[in-house]
Amino acid sequence: MPINIAIKWGHRALTTVLLLIVILGGLFGYCGNASRNDLLVSQKQLSENVWLYVTKYQDAGATDSDVYRYYLNKYLSDPMAVLQKSAPFLQADVGNATVTAVGDHVLVKLTGKVNSFSNSAFYYDGKTPVMPRIDLNAYASDPWK
């Protein structure tokens, strides 16, 4: 009889621990994907159907480097509402990258630190899916300046 009680209590304890792990994992995932406090720095038409939007993170402290996020989309009348729900194709510490486009082929050239980069972006222009190809040419900044 005592072994049955030990098994029941062990099962209850294990179930409680696993439930806590799932709940805490969900909370950390939600907090990690919380909306960003970005400010729209620039928007520019690259080609007929492709617009570039650049945002800057506003909550960087004195010891943090600036974070600029680059997005591709169609023309947006209220860009921040859409961009908060989108993934940037480029995150860097500079906001002055040279971005040009030939049709749906986007060329990016920058000097600075690249935090993340994806060579494709995806959005809908009406009901038409648009997926521009992106080429990146990045140069490291001089660490002694």
N, C-alpha and C. Protein backbone atom coordinates (compact mmCIF):
# COMPACT_ATOMS: atom_id res chain seq x y z
N MET A 1 0.80 -1.20 0.00
CA MET A 1 0.00 0.00 0.00
C MET A 1 0.84 1.27 0.00
N PRO A 2 1.95 1.39 0.77
CA PRO A 2 2.74 2.61 0.77
C PRO A 2 3.35 2.91 -0.60
N ILE A 3 3.70 1.89 -1.39
CA ILE A 3 4.28 2.14 -2.71
C ILE A 3 3.26 2.79 -3.63
N ASN A 4 1.99 2.42 -3.52
CA ASN A 4 0.94 3.05 -4.33
C ASN A 4 0.80 4.53 -3.99
N ILE A 5 0.87 4.85 -2.71
CA ILE A 5 0.76 6.25 -2.30
C ILE A 5 1.97 7.04 -2.81
N ALA A 6 3.17 6.46 -2.74
CA ALA A 6 4.37 7.14 -3.24
C ALA A 6 4.28 7.38 -4.75
N ILE A 7 3.76 6.41 -5.48
CA ILE A 7 3.61 6.56 -6.94
C ILE A 7 2.60 7.66 -7.24
N LYS A 8 1.48 7.70 -6.51
CA LYS A 8 0.47 8.75 -6.75
C LYS A 8 1.05 10.13 -6.49
N TRP A 9 1.77 10.30 -5.37
CA TRP A 9 2.33 11.59 -5.04
C TRP A 9 3.45 11.97 -6.02
N GLY A 10 4.24 11.01 -6.43
CA GLY A 10 5.27 11.27 -7.43
C GLY A 10 4.67 11.71 -8.75
N HIS A 11 3.56 11.06 -9.15
CA HIS A 11 2.87 11.43 -10.39
C HIS A 11 2.30 12.84 -10.29
N ARG A 12 1.71 13.17 -9.15
CA ARG A 12 1.15 14.51 -8.95
C ARG A 12 2.25 15.57 -9.00
N ALA A 13 3.37 15.28 -8.36
CA ALA A 13 4.49 16.24 -8.35
C ALA A 13 5.05 16.43 -9.76
N LEU A 14 5.24 15.35 -10.48
CA LEU A 14 5.75 15.44 -11.85
C LEU A 14 4.78 16.20 -12.75
N THR A 15 3.50 15.95 -12.63
CA THR A 15 2.49 16.65 -13.42
C THR A 15 2.51 18.14 -13.11
N THR A 16 2.64 18.49 -11.83
CA THR A 16 2.68 19.90 -11.44
C THR A 16 3.92 20.59 -12.00
N VAL A 17 5.06 19.94 -11.93
CA VAL A 17 6.30 20.52 -12.46
C VAL A 17 6.19 20.70 -13.97
N LEU A 18 5.69 19.73 -14.68
CA LEU A 18 5.55 19.85 -16.14
C LEU A 18 4.56 20.95 -16.51
N LEU A 19 3.49 21.08 -15.75
CA LEU A 19 2.52 22.14 -16.01
C LEU A 19 3.16 23.52 -15.80
N LEU A 20 3.95 23.66 -14.75
CA LEU A 20 4.65 24.93 -14.52
C LEU A 20 5.64 25.24 -15.63
N ILE A 21 6.33 24.24 -16.13
CA ILE A 21 7.27 24.44 -17.24
C ILE A 21 6.54 24.93 -18.48
N VAL A 22 5.40 24.35 -18.78
CA VAL A 22 4.62 24.77 -19.95
C VAL A 22 4.11 26.20 -19.78
N ILE A 23 3.62 26.52 -18.60
CA ILE A 23 3.09 27.87 -18.36
C ILE A 23 4.21 28.91 -18.43
N LEU A 24 5.34 28.65 -17.79
CA LEU A 24 6.46 29.60 -17.82
C LEU A 24 7.04 29.73 -19.22
N GLY A 25 7.12 28.63 -19.97
CA GLY A 25 7.59 28.70 -21.35
C GLY A 25 6.67 29.56 -22.21
N GLY A 26 5.38 29.44 -22.01
CA GLY A 26 4.42 30.26 -22.74
C GLY A 26 4.55 31.73 -22.40
N LEU A 27 4.75 32.03 -21.12
CA LEU A 27 4.92 33.42 -20.70
C LEU A 27 6.20 34.03 -21.27
N PHE A 28 7.30 33.28 -21.23
CA PHE A 28 8.54 33.79 -21.80
C PHE A 28 8.41 33.98 -23.31
N GLY A 29 7.74 33.08 -23.99
CA GLY A 29 7.53 33.23 -25.43
C GLY A 29 6.68 34.44 -25.75
N TYR A 30 5.66 34.68 -24.93
CA TYR A 30 4.80 35.85 -25.14
C TYR A 30 5.56 37.14 -24.89
N CYS A 31 6.34 37.18 -23.82
CA CYS A 31 7.12 38.39 -23.51
C CYS A 31 8.18 38.65 -24.57
N GLY A 32 8.78 37.60 -25.11
CA GLY A 32 9.80 37.77 -26.15
C GLY A 32 9.23 38.28 -27.45
N ASN A 33 7.94 38.06 -27.69
CA ASN A 33 7.31 38.51 -28.92
C ASN A 33 6.41 39.71 -28.69
N ALA A 34 6.60 40.39 -27.58
CA ALA A 34 5.78 41.58 -27.30
C ALA A 34 6.08 42.65 -28.34
N SER A 35 5.15 43.57 -28.50
CA SER A 35 5.33 44.59 -29.52
C SER A 35 6.56 45.45 -29.20
N ARG A 36 7.21 45.87 -30.25
CA ARG A 36 8.43 46.66 -30.10
C ARG A 36 8.07 48.13 -30.04
N ASN A 37 8.88 48.89 -29.33
CA ASN A 37 8.68 50.32 -29.23
C ASN A 37 9.54 51.00 -30.28
N ASP A 38 9.11 50.94 -31.53
CA ASP A 38 9.86 51.48 -32.64
C ASP A 38 9.24 52.78 -33.13
N LEU A 39 10.08 53.58 -33.76
CA LEU A 39 9.66 54.82 -34.38
C LEU A 39 10.01 54.75 -35.86
N LEU A 40 9.08 55.12 -36.72
CA LEU A 40 9.33 55.10 -38.16
C LEU A 40 10.33 56.20 -38.51
N VAL A 41 11.47 55.80 -39.07
CA VAL A 41 12.53 56.74 -39.41
C VAL A 41 12.39 57.20 -40.86
N SER A 42 12.11 56.26 -41.76
CA SER A 42 11.97 56.64 -43.16
C SER A 42 11.12 55.63 -43.91
N GLN A 43 10.57 56.10 -44.99
CA GLN A 43 9.87 55.23 -45.94
C GLN A 43 10.22 55.72 -47.34
N LYS A 44 10.40 54.75 -48.23
CA LYS A 44 10.88 55.10 -49.57
C LYS A 44 10.34 54.09 -50.57
N GLN A 45 9.88 54.58 -51.71
CA GLN A 45 9.43 53.69 -52.77
C GLN A 45 10.65 53.22 -53.55
N LEU A 46 10.82 51.89 -53.62
CA LEU A 46 11.96 51.32 -54.33
C LEU A 46 11.62 50.97 -55.76
N SER A 47 10.44 50.42 -55.99
CA SER A 47 9.97 50.10 -57.33
C SER A 47 8.46 50.23 -57.31
N GLU A 48 7.82 49.81 -58.38
CA GLU A 48 6.38 50.01 -58.50
C GLU A 48 5.59 49.40 -57.34
N ASN A 49 5.95 48.19 -56.91
CA ASN A 49 5.19 47.50 -55.87
C ASN A 49 5.96 47.31 -54.56
N VAL A 50 7.16 47.84 -54.46
CA VAL A 50 8.01 47.58 -53.28
C VAL A 50 8.36 48.90 -52.59
N TRP A 51 8.04 48.97 -51.31
CA TRP A 51 8.38 50.12 -50.48
C TRP A 51 9.29 49.65 -49.36
N LEU A 52 10.23 50.51 -48.98
CA LEU A 52 11.14 50.24 -47.87
C LEU A 52 10.70 51.09 -46.68
N TYR A 53 10.61 50.44 -45.52
CA TYR A 53 10.29 51.12 -44.26
C TYR A 53 11.42 50.83 -43.28
N VAL A 54 11.94 51.88 -42.64
CA VAL A 54 13.02 51.73 -41.66
C VAL A 54 12.51 52.27 -40.33
N THR A 55 12.65 51.44 -39.27
CA THR A 55 12.26 51.87 -37.93
C THR A 55 13.48 51.83 -37.02
N LYS A 56 13.38 52.59 -35.94
CA LYS A 56 14.46 52.63 -34.95
C LYS A 56 13.87 52.30 -33.59
N TYR A 57 14.55 51.43 -32.86
CA TYR A 57 14.13 51.05 -31.51
C TYR A 57 14.38 52.24 -30.58
N GLN A 58 13.35 52.64 -29.81
CA GLN A 58 13.43 53.84 -28.99
C GLN A 58 13.92 53.59 -27.57
N ASP A 59 13.92 52.36 -27.08
CA ASP A 59 14.24 52.10 -25.68
C ASP A 59 15.68 51.68 -25.45
N ALA A 60 16.56 51.94 -26.40
CA ALA A 60 17.97 51.60 -26.20
C ALA A 60 18.56 52.54 -25.16
N GLY A 61 19.29 51.97 -24.23
CA GLY A 61 19.91 52.77 -23.18
C GLY A 61 21.20 53.40 -23.66
N ALA A 62 21.89 54.04 -22.72
CA ALA A 62 23.13 54.74 -23.07
C ALA A 62 24.22 53.78 -23.50
N THR A 63 24.22 52.57 -22.97
CA THR A 63 25.27 51.62 -23.31
C THR A 63 24.87 50.67 -24.43
N ASP A 64 23.64 50.76 -24.90
CA ASP A 64 23.17 49.90 -25.99
C ASP A 64 23.38 50.60 -27.32
N SER A 65 23.69 49.81 -28.34
CA SER A 65 23.79 50.39 -29.68
C SER A 65 22.38 50.54 -30.26
N ASP A 66 22.25 51.43 -31.21
CA ASP A 66 20.96 51.63 -31.86
C ASP A 66 20.61 50.40 -32.67
N VAL A 67 19.30 50.14 -32.79
CA VAL A 67 18.83 49.01 -33.60
C VAL A 67 17.85 49.58 -34.63
N TYR A 68 18.19 49.37 -35.88
CA TYR A 68 17.32 49.78 -36.99
C TYR A 68 16.78 48.52 -37.64
N ARG A 69 15.49 48.55 -37.94
CA ARG A 69 14.84 47.41 -38.59
C ARG A 69 14.37 47.86 -39.97
N TYR A 70 14.63 47.02 -40.96
CA TYR A 70 14.28 47.30 -42.35
C TYR A 70 13.18 46.34 -42.79
N TYR A 71 12.12 46.90 -43.34
CA TYR A 71 10.98 46.11 -43.79
C TYR A 71 10.70 46.41 -45.25
N LEU A 72 10.18 45.43 -45.96
CA LEU A 72 9.67 45.64 -47.32
C LEU A 72 8.18 45.36 -47.30
N ASN A 73 7.43 46.19 -47.98
CA ASN A 73 5.99 46.00 -48.06
C ASN A 73 5.47 46.85 -49.21
N LYS A 74 4.17 46.83 -49.40
CA LYS A 74 3.53 47.73 -50.36
C LYS A 74 3.39 49.09 -49.70
N TYR A 75 2.81 50.07 -50.39
CA TYR A 75 2.57 51.37 -49.78
C TYR A 75 1.56 51.19 -48.65
N LEU A 76 1.88 51.71 -47.48
CA LEU A 76 1.01 51.60 -46.31
C LEU A 76 0.66 52.99 -45.82
N SER A 77 -0.63 53.26 -45.64
CA SER A 77 -1.03 54.57 -45.12
C SER A 77 -0.73 54.70 -43.63
N ASP A 78 -0.82 53.60 -42.88
CA ASP A 78 -0.45 53.58 -41.46
C ASP A 78 0.59 52.48 -41.27
N PRO A 79 1.86 52.75 -41.58
CA PRO A 79 2.85 51.67 -41.61
C PRO A 79 3.11 51.00 -40.26
N MET A 80 3.13 51.74 -39.17
CA MET A 80 3.51 51.15 -37.89
C MET A 80 2.53 50.07 -37.43
N ALA A 81 1.26 50.21 -37.75
CA ALA A 81 0.28 49.19 -37.37
C ALA A 81 0.59 47.86 -38.06
N VAL A 82 1.04 47.92 -39.30
CA VAL A 82 1.36 46.70 -40.05
C VAL A 82 2.76 46.19 -39.69
N LEU A 83 3.72 47.11 -39.55
CA LEU A 83 5.10 46.70 -39.30
C LEU A 83 5.27 46.05 -37.92
N GLN A 84 4.47 46.44 -36.94
CA GLN A 84 4.55 45.82 -35.62
C GLN A 84 4.22 44.34 -35.68
N LYS A 85 3.46 43.94 -36.69
CA LYS A 85 3.06 42.54 -36.85
C LYS A 85 3.92 41.80 -37.87
N SER A 86 4.91 42.49 -38.44
CA SER A 86 5.75 41.91 -39.49
C SER A 86 7.15 41.64 -38.98
N ALA A 87 7.86 40.81 -39.70
CA ALA A 87 9.25 40.53 -39.37
C ALA A 87 10.14 41.35 -40.30
N PRO A 88 11.16 42.01 -39.75
CA PRO A 88 12.07 42.75 -40.61
C PRO A 88 12.98 41.79 -41.38
N PHE A 89 13.41 42.21 -42.57
CA PHE A 89 14.35 41.37 -43.30
C PHE A 89 15.79 41.68 -42.88
N LEU A 90 16.00 42.84 -42.22
CA LEU A 90 17.33 43.24 -41.80
C LEU A 90 17.24 44.01 -40.50
N GLN A 91 18.14 43.67 -39.56
CA GLN A 91 18.33 44.45 -38.34
C GLN A 91 19.81 44.81 -38.27
N ALA A 92 20.09 46.09 -38.11
CA ALA A 92 21.48 46.55 -38.10
C ALA A 92 21.62 47.71 -37.14
N ASP A 93 22.87 48.11 -36.90
CA ASP A 93 23.10 49.24 -36.00
C ASP A 93 23.19 50.57 -36.73
N VAL A 94 22.93 50.57 -38.03
CA VAL A 94 22.92 51.80 -38.83
C VAL A 94 21.58 51.92 -39.56
N GLY A 95 21.16 53.15 -39.73
CA GLY A 95 19.89 53.39 -40.42
C GLY A 95 20.07 54.02 -41.78
N ASN A 96 21.31 54.04 -42.26
CA ASN A 96 21.58 54.71 -43.54
C ASN A 96 22.03 53.76 -44.62
N ALA A 97 21.54 52.55 -44.61
CA ALA A 97 21.90 51.60 -45.66
C ALA A 97 21.37 52.10 -47.00
N THR A 98 22.14 51.84 -48.04
CA THR A 98 21.70 52.18 -49.39
C THR A 98 20.89 51.01 -49.92
N VAL A 99 19.61 51.27 -50.20
CA VAL A 99 18.71 50.21 -50.66
C VAL A 99 18.13 50.64 -51.99
N THR A 100 18.32 49.80 -53.00
CA THR A 100 17.77 50.06 -54.33
C THR A 100 17.06 48.80 -54.80
N ALA A 101 16.25 48.96 -55.82
CA ALA A 101 15.51 47.80 -56.34
C ALA A 101 15.40 47.89 -57.85
N VAL A 102 15.43 46.73 -58.47
CA VAL A 102 15.15 46.57 -59.88
C VAL A 102 14.01 45.56 -59.93
N GLY A 103 12.80 46.03 -60.11
CA GLY A 103 11.64 45.15 -60.04
C GLY A 103 11.49 44.62 -58.63
N ASP A 104 11.50 43.30 -58.49
CA ASP A 104 11.40 42.68 -57.18
C ASP A 104 12.74 42.19 -56.65
N HIS A 105 13.83 42.66 -57.24
CA HIS A 105 15.17 42.31 -56.78
C HIS A 105 15.73 43.51 -56.02
N VAL A 106 15.92 43.35 -54.71
CA VAL A 106 16.35 44.44 -53.84
C VAL A 106 17.82 44.27 -53.51
N LEU A 107 18.57 45.36 -53.61
CA LEU A 107 20.00 45.37 -53.32
C LEU A 107 20.25 46.26 -52.10
N VAL A 108 20.93 45.72 -51.08
CA VAL A 108 21.20 46.46 -49.85
C VAL A 108 22.71 46.55 -49.67
N LYS A 109 23.19 47.75 -49.39
CA LYS A 109 24.61 47.97 -49.14
C LYS A 109 24.73 48.81 -47.88
N LEU A 110 25.53 48.30 -46.91
CA LEU A 110 25.69 49.04 -45.67
C LEU A 110 27.06 48.79 -45.06
N THR A 111 27.48 49.73 -44.23
CA THR A 111 28.69 49.59 -43.45
C THR A 111 28.28 49.67 -41.99
N GLY A 112 28.44 48.57 -41.27
CA GLY A 112 28.05 48.51 -39.87
C GLY A 112 27.82 47.08 -39.43
N LYS A 113 27.25 46.93 -38.28
CA LYS A 113 27.00 45.61 -37.71
C LYS A 113 25.61 45.12 -38.12
N VAL A 114 25.55 43.93 -38.68
CA VAL A 114 24.28 43.31 -39.06
C VAL A 114 23.89 42.35 -37.93
N ASN A 115 22.76 42.61 -37.29
CA ASN A 115 22.28 41.73 -36.21
C ASN A 115 21.56 40.52 -36.76
N SER A 116 20.74 40.71 -37.78
CA SER A 116 20.06 39.59 -38.42
C SER A 116 19.70 40.00 -39.85
N PHE A 117 19.60 38.97 -40.70
CA PHE A 117 19.29 39.22 -42.10
C PHE A 117 18.58 38.01 -42.69
N SER A 118 17.57 38.28 -43.51
CA SER A 118 16.90 37.24 -44.28
C SER A 118 16.89 37.70 -45.73
N ASN A 119 17.21 36.81 -46.64
CA ASN A 119 17.30 37.22 -48.04
C ASN A 119 15.96 37.19 -48.76
N SER A 120 14.89 37.10 -48.00
CA SER A 120 13.57 37.19 -48.61
C SER A 120 12.59 37.87 -47.66
N ALA A 121 11.61 38.49 -48.23
CA ALA A 121 10.52 39.10 -47.48
C ALA A 121 9.23 38.67 -48.16
N PHE A 122 8.13 38.73 -47.44
CA PHE A 122 6.86 38.27 -48.00
C PHE A 122 5.75 39.19 -47.53
N TYR A 123 4.92 39.62 -48.47
CA TYR A 123 3.75 40.41 -48.13
C TYR A 123 2.74 40.27 -49.26
N TYR A 124 1.52 40.72 -49.02
CA TYR A 124 0.47 40.69 -50.03
C TYR A 124 0.22 42.09 -50.55
N ASP A 125 0.12 42.22 -51.85
CA ASP A 125 -0.32 43.44 -52.50
C ASP A 125 -1.73 43.17 -53.01
N GLY A 126 -2.69 43.49 -52.19
CA GLY A 126 -4.06 43.07 -52.47
C GLY A 126 -4.16 41.58 -52.21
N LYS A 127 -4.50 40.81 -53.24
CA LYS A 127 -4.54 39.36 -53.11
C LYS A 127 -3.33 38.69 -53.76
N THR A 128 -2.43 39.51 -54.29
CA THR A 128 -1.25 38.99 -54.97
C THR A 128 -0.08 38.88 -53.99
N PRO A 129 0.48 37.69 -53.82
CA PRO A 129 1.65 37.57 -52.95
C PRO A 129 2.90 38.15 -53.64
N VAL A 130 3.70 38.87 -52.87
CA VAL A 130 4.93 39.46 -53.37
C VAL A 130 6.07 38.95 -52.50
N MET A 131 7.13 38.44 -53.14
CA MET A 131 8.27 37.92 -52.41
C MET A 131 9.55 38.39 -53.09
N PRO A 132 10.01 39.60 -52.74
CA PRO A 132 11.22 40.11 -53.37
C PRO A 132 12.47 39.35 -52.93
N ARG A 133 13.42 39.23 -53.85
CA ARG A 133 14.72 38.65 -53.51
C ARG A 133 15.61 39.78 -53.00
N ILE A 134 16.42 39.48 -52.00
CA ILE A 134 17.23 40.52 -51.38
C ILE A 134 18.69 40.09 -51.38
N ASP A 135 19.56 40.95 -51.88
CA ASP A 135 21.00 40.74 -51.83
C ASP A 135 21.60 41.75 -50.87
N LEU A 136 22.50 41.28 -50.01
CA LEU A 136 23.14 42.14 -49.01
C LEU A 136 24.63 42.22 -49.28
N ASN A 137 25.14 43.44 -49.26
CA ASN A 137 26.57 43.69 -49.37
C ASN A 137 26.94 44.52 -48.13
N ALA A 138 27.51 43.85 -47.11
CA ALA A 138 27.80 44.51 -45.84
C ALA A 138 29.30 44.58 -45.60
N TYR A 139 29.74 45.72 -45.13
CA TYR A 139 31.13 45.94 -44.77
C TYR A 139 31.21 46.19 -43.26
N ALA A 140 32.20 45.65 -42.63
CA ALA A 140 32.40 45.88 -41.20
C ALA A 140 32.87 47.31 -40.98
N SER A 141 32.37 47.92 -39.93
CA SER A 141 32.82 49.27 -39.60
C SER A 141 34.18 49.19 -38.90
N ASP A 142 34.91 50.28 -38.95
CA ASP A 142 36.24 50.32 -38.35
C ASP A 142 36.09 50.37 -36.83
N PRO A 143 36.58 49.35 -36.10
CA PRO A 143 36.39 49.32 -34.64
C PRO A 143 37.22 50.36 -33.91
N TRP A 144 38.19 51.01 -34.57
CA TRP A 144 39.07 51.97 -33.91
C TRP A 144 38.57 53.40 -34.03
N LYS A 145 37.45 53.61 -34.69
CA LYS A 145 36.91 54.97 -34.83
C LYS A 145 35.75 55.17 -33.90
